[in-house]
Amino acid sequence: MQEFTIQVKRTLRQMAALLVLLAVCAWLTGHAAAILGLFMGGAASAVYFLLMGYRVRQSAGLPPQQAVVYMRLGWLVRLSFVVLILILSLKIQQIDFAAAVVGLFSLQIVVIFNAVLIVARSFFSK
């Protein structure tokens, strides 16, 4: 479980670094209005990731059938949370919807980037 916690913290740090980099780029290019949307989407992505990690940790001790049901219910909760954030970003005028969507995808960007690094390391270590 210690490795699980380390990986969760590492992923959250990488997401934060990506969001700060995107915010600085937005500010330097004159799109400062997008920064709030980036951070709102990024925060939602972090909460989504933490909810998913919590569900995985809790389901590890359950019998397989109960774990499947537990994870399916968790998926519905996480999806509802994402939809709520998207609706809020449409309703609140100060939040740029496109930036919120980019922030929501920060988790997926970090995960894909890490996967590419793992494949590249295994490819070049041969």
Protein backbone atom coordinates (compact mmCIF):
# COMPACT_ATOMS: atom_id res chain seq x y z
CA MET A 1 0.00 0.00 0.00
CA GLN A 2 2.94 2.32 0.57
CA GLU A 3 3.78 2.15 -3.16
CA PHE A 4 0.17 2.99 -4.01
CA THR A 5 0.31 6.13 -1.84
CA ILE A 6 3.63 7.15 -3.37
CA GLN A 7 2.24 6.81 -6.89
CA VAL A 8 -0.89 8.80 -6.02
CA LYS A 9 1.20 11.63 -4.58
CA ARG A 10 3.52 11.55 -7.59
CA THR A 11 0.62 11.75 -10.02
CA LEU A 12 -0.95 14.65 -8.10
CA ARG A 13 2.37 16.53 -8.13
CA GLN A 14 2.70 15.99 -11.87
CA MET A 15 -0.85 17.23 -12.42
CA ALA A 16 -0.11 20.35 -10.36
CA ALA A 17 3.08 20.99 -12.32
CA LEU A 18 1.21 20.61 -15.62
CA LEU A 19 -1.52 23.01 -14.50
CA VAL A 20 0.99 25.60 -13.32
CA LEU A 21 2.84 25.30 -16.65
CA LEU A 22 -0.41 25.72 -18.58
CA ALA A 23 -1.43 28.69 -16.41
CA VAL A 24 1.91 30.41 -16.98
CA CYS A 25 1.62 29.79 -20.73
CA ALA A 26 -1.93 31.17 -20.73
CA TRP A 27 -0.83 34.25 -18.81
CA LEU A 28 2.18 34.86 -21.08
CA THR A 29 0.04 34.57 -24.22
CA GLY A 30 -2.59 36.97 -22.94
CA HIS A 31 -5.26 34.39 -22.04
CA ALA A 32 -5.31 35.10 -18.31
CA ALA A 33 -9.10 34.62 -18.26
CA ALA A 34 -8.55 30.90 -18.90
CA ILE A 35 -6.51 30.38 -15.73
CA LEU A 36 -9.53 30.06 -13.44
CA GLY A 37 -11.03 27.43 -15.75
CA LEU A 38 -7.75 25.52 -15.86
CA PHE A 39 -7.50 25.38 -12.10
CA MET A 40 -11.18 24.51 -11.66
CA GLY A 41 -10.88 21.64 -14.14
CA GLY A 42 -7.59 20.56 -12.62
CA ALA A 43 -9.04 20.54 -9.12
CA ALA A 44 -11.97 18.48 -10.38
CA SER A 45 -9.55 16.09 -12.06
CA ALA A 46 -7.57 15.74 -8.83
CA VAL A 47 -10.75 15.02 -6.85
CA TYR A 48 -11.78 12.49 -9.51
CA PHE A 49 -8.38 10.80 -9.20
CA LEU A 50 -8.56 10.74 -5.41
CA LEU A 51 -12.07 9.28 -5.50
CA MET A 52 -10.89 6.61 -7.91
CA GLY A 53 -7.87 5.82 -5.72
CA TYR A 54 -10.07 5.61 -2.65
CA ARG A 55 -12.40 3.19 -4.43
CA VAL A 56 -9.49 1.02 -5.57
CA ARG A 57 -8.03 0.92 -2.06
CA GLN A 58 -11.39 0.04 -0.48
CA SER A 59 -12.25 -2.62 -3.06
CA ALA A 60 -8.91 -4.40 -2.57
CA GLY A 61 -10.21 -6.12 0.56
CA LEU A 62 -13.61 -7.08 -0.83
CA PRO A 63 -14.63 -10.33 -2.48
CA PRO A 64 -14.56 -10.07 -6.29
CA GLN A 65 -18.31 -9.69 -6.82
CA GLN A 66 -18.65 -7.00 -4.17
CA ALA A 67 -15.57 -5.22 -5.51
CA VAL A 68 -17.10 -5.07 -9.00
CA VAL A 69 -20.34 -3.59 -7.66
CA TYR A 70 -18.40 -1.14 -5.48
CA MET A 71 -16.29 0.05 -8.42
CA ARG A 72 -19.32 0.40 -10.71
CA LEU A 73 -21.08 2.61 -8.17
CA GLY A 74 -17.91 4.64 -7.82
CA TRP A 75 -17.78 5.15 -11.57
CA LEU A 76 -21.27 6.61 -11.48
CA VAL A 77 -20.33 8.99 -8.65
CA ARG A 78 -17.17 10.14 -10.47
CA LEU A 79 -19.02 10.63 -13.76
CA SER A 80 -21.70 12.65 -12.01
CA PHE A 81 -19.00 14.82 -10.45
CA VAL A 82 -17.39 15.51 -13.84
CA VAL A 83 -20.76 16.38 -15.40
CA LEU A 84 -21.50 18.73 -12.49
CA ILE A 85 -18.18 20.54 -13.00
CA LEU A 86 -18.84 20.90 -16.73
CA ILE A 87 -22.32 22.29 -16.08
CA LEU A 88 -20.91 24.74 -13.53
CA SER A 89 -18.26 25.90 -15.99
CA LEU A 90 -21.02 26.61 -18.51
CA LYS A 91 -23.22 28.47 -16.03
CA ILE A 92 -20.52 30.62 -14.37
CA GLN A 93 -19.48 33.26 -16.87
CA GLN A 94 -16.05 33.93 -15.35
CA ILE A 95 -14.95 30.36 -16.08
CA ASP A 96 -13.74 29.49 -19.56
CA PHE A 97 -15.39 26.20 -20.55
CA ALA A 98 -12.58 25.09 -22.89
CA ALA A 99 -9.98 25.74 -20.19
CA ALA A 100 -12.05 23.76 -17.67
CA VAL A 101 -12.15 20.85 -20.10
CA VAL A 102 -8.37 21.02 -20.56
CA GLY A 103 -8.01 21.04 -16.77
CA LEU A 104 -10.28 18.01 -16.53
CA PHE A 105 -8.03 16.16 -18.94
CA SER A 106 -4.89 16.94 -16.91
CA LEU A 107 -5.07 13.51 -15.25
CA GLN A 108 -5.28 11.72 -18.59
CA ILE A 109 -2.43 13.83 -19.99
CA VAL A 110 -0.20 12.90 -17.04
CA VAL A 111 -1.13 9.20 -17.25
CA ILE A 112 -0.44 9.02 -21.01
CA PHE A 113 2.84 10.90 -20.57
CA ASN A 114 3.93 8.42 -17.87
CA ALA A 115 2.92 5.49 -20.09
CA VAL A 116 5.00 6.87 -22.95
CA LEU A 117 7.98 7.25 -20.60
CA ILE A 118 7.64 3.67 -19.38
CA VAL A 119 7.48 2.32 -22.93
CA ALA A 120 10.41 4.49 -24.05
CA ARG A 121 12.53 3.36 -21.10
CA SER A 122 11.77 -0.30 -21.76
CA PHE A 123 12.45 0.15 -25.48
CA PHE A 124 15.82 1.83 -25.00
CA SER A 125 16.98 -0.38 -22.14
CA LYS A 126 17.16 -3.46 -24.38
